[in-house]
Amino acid sequence: MQAQAQAAGHVVNLMERVRDGAYRQWPADRLHGIGVRFHEELMRMSGNAFLQQAEQLAFGHGRIGHS
């Protein structure tokens, strides 16, 4: 549970930096990776079993890239 809280906190920090203008300097692949992590965390935090299963199938098997 603590690892999930840390991961969510990290995503929040990254999203705040993007909001504050970092998107102007960061390359597209980094921004894409941040978006991927953001949506992964949303699926995990939702508590929705269907979304969590979809996340496991997609991200757990490497079909969707991480940066």
Protein backbone atom coordinates (compact mmCIF):
# COMPACT_ATOMS: atom_id res chain seq x y z
CA MET A 1 0.00 0.00 0.00
CA GLN A 2 2.84 2.40 0.81
CA ALA A 3 4.44 1.71 -2.59
CA GLN A 4 1.18 2.66 -4.30
CA ALA A 5 0.98 5.88 -2.30
CA GLN A 6 4.56 6.71 -3.27
CA ALA A 7 3.86 5.99 -6.93
CA ALA A 8 0.74 8.16 -6.84
CA GLY A 9 2.69 10.94 -5.13
CA HIS A 10 5.38 10.75 -7.80
CA VAL A 11 2.77 11.02 -10.56
CA VAL A 12 1.16 14.01 -8.83
CA ASN A 13 4.56 15.69 -8.60
CA LEU A 14 5.23 15.12 -12.30
CA MET A 15 1.78 16.38 -13.30
CA GLU A 16 2.28 19.53 -11.21
CA ARG A 17 5.61 20.16 -12.93
CA VAL A 18 3.93 19.72 -16.33
CA ARG A 19 1.19 22.11 -15.28
CA ASP A 20 3.78 24.63 -14.16
CA GLY A 21 5.43 24.69 -17.57
CA ALA A 22 7.88 21.81 -17.72
CA TYR A 23 6.06 20.51 -20.81
CA ARG A 24 7.73 23.34 -22.74
CA GLN A 25 11.20 21.87 -22.14
CA TRP A 26 10.57 18.14 -21.83
CA PRO A 27 10.70 15.90 -24.91
CA ALA A 28 7.53 14.28 -26.21
CA ASP A 29 8.58 10.78 -25.11
CA ARG A 30 8.95 11.92 -21.50
CA LEU A 31 5.53 13.59 -21.58
CA HIS A 32 4.04 10.43 -23.08
CA GLY A 33 5.56 8.32 -20.30
CA ILE A 34 4.12 10.66 -17.69
CA GLY A 35 0.69 10.33 -19.31
CA VAL A 36 0.99 6.54 -19.34
CA ARG A 37 1.90 6.45 -15.63
CA PHE A 38 -0.92 8.89 -14.81
CA HIS A 39 -3.50 6.65 -16.46
CA GLU A 40 -2.05 3.51 -14.89
CA GLU A 41 -2.44 5.09 -11.46
CA LEU A 42 -6.00 6.18 -12.22
CA MET A 43 -6.89 2.59 -13.11
CA ARG A 44 -5.28 1.23 -9.95
CA MET A 45 -6.87 3.82 -7.67
CA SER A 46 -10.32 3.33 -9.19
CA GLY A 47 -10.82 -0.01 -7.47
CA ASN A 48 -12.59 -1.15 -10.64
CA ALA A 49 -11.71 -4.82 -11.17
CA PHE A 50 -12.33 -4.61 -14.93
CA LEU A 51 -9.90 -1.68 -15.33
CA GLN A 52 -7.34 -3.35 -13.09
CA GLN A 53 -7.52 -6.53 -15.16
CA ALA A 54 -7.18 -4.53 -18.39
CA GLU A 55 -4.19 -2.70 -16.91
CA GLN A 56 -2.54 -6.01 -16.00
CA LEU A 57 -3.08 -7.40 -19.47
CA ALA A 58 -1.89 -4.29 -21.30
CA PHE A 59 0.90 -2.95 -19.13
CA GLY A 60 1.93 -6.18 -17.46
CA HIS A 61 2.71 -7.84 -20.77
CA GLY A 62 4.58 -4.93 -22.34
CA ARG A 63 2.07 -4.14 -25.07
CA ILE A 64 2.04 -0.51 -23.98
CA GLY A 65 5.39 1.15 -23.45
CA HIS A 66 6.80 2.76 -20.35
CA SER A 67 9.36 5.53 -20.28
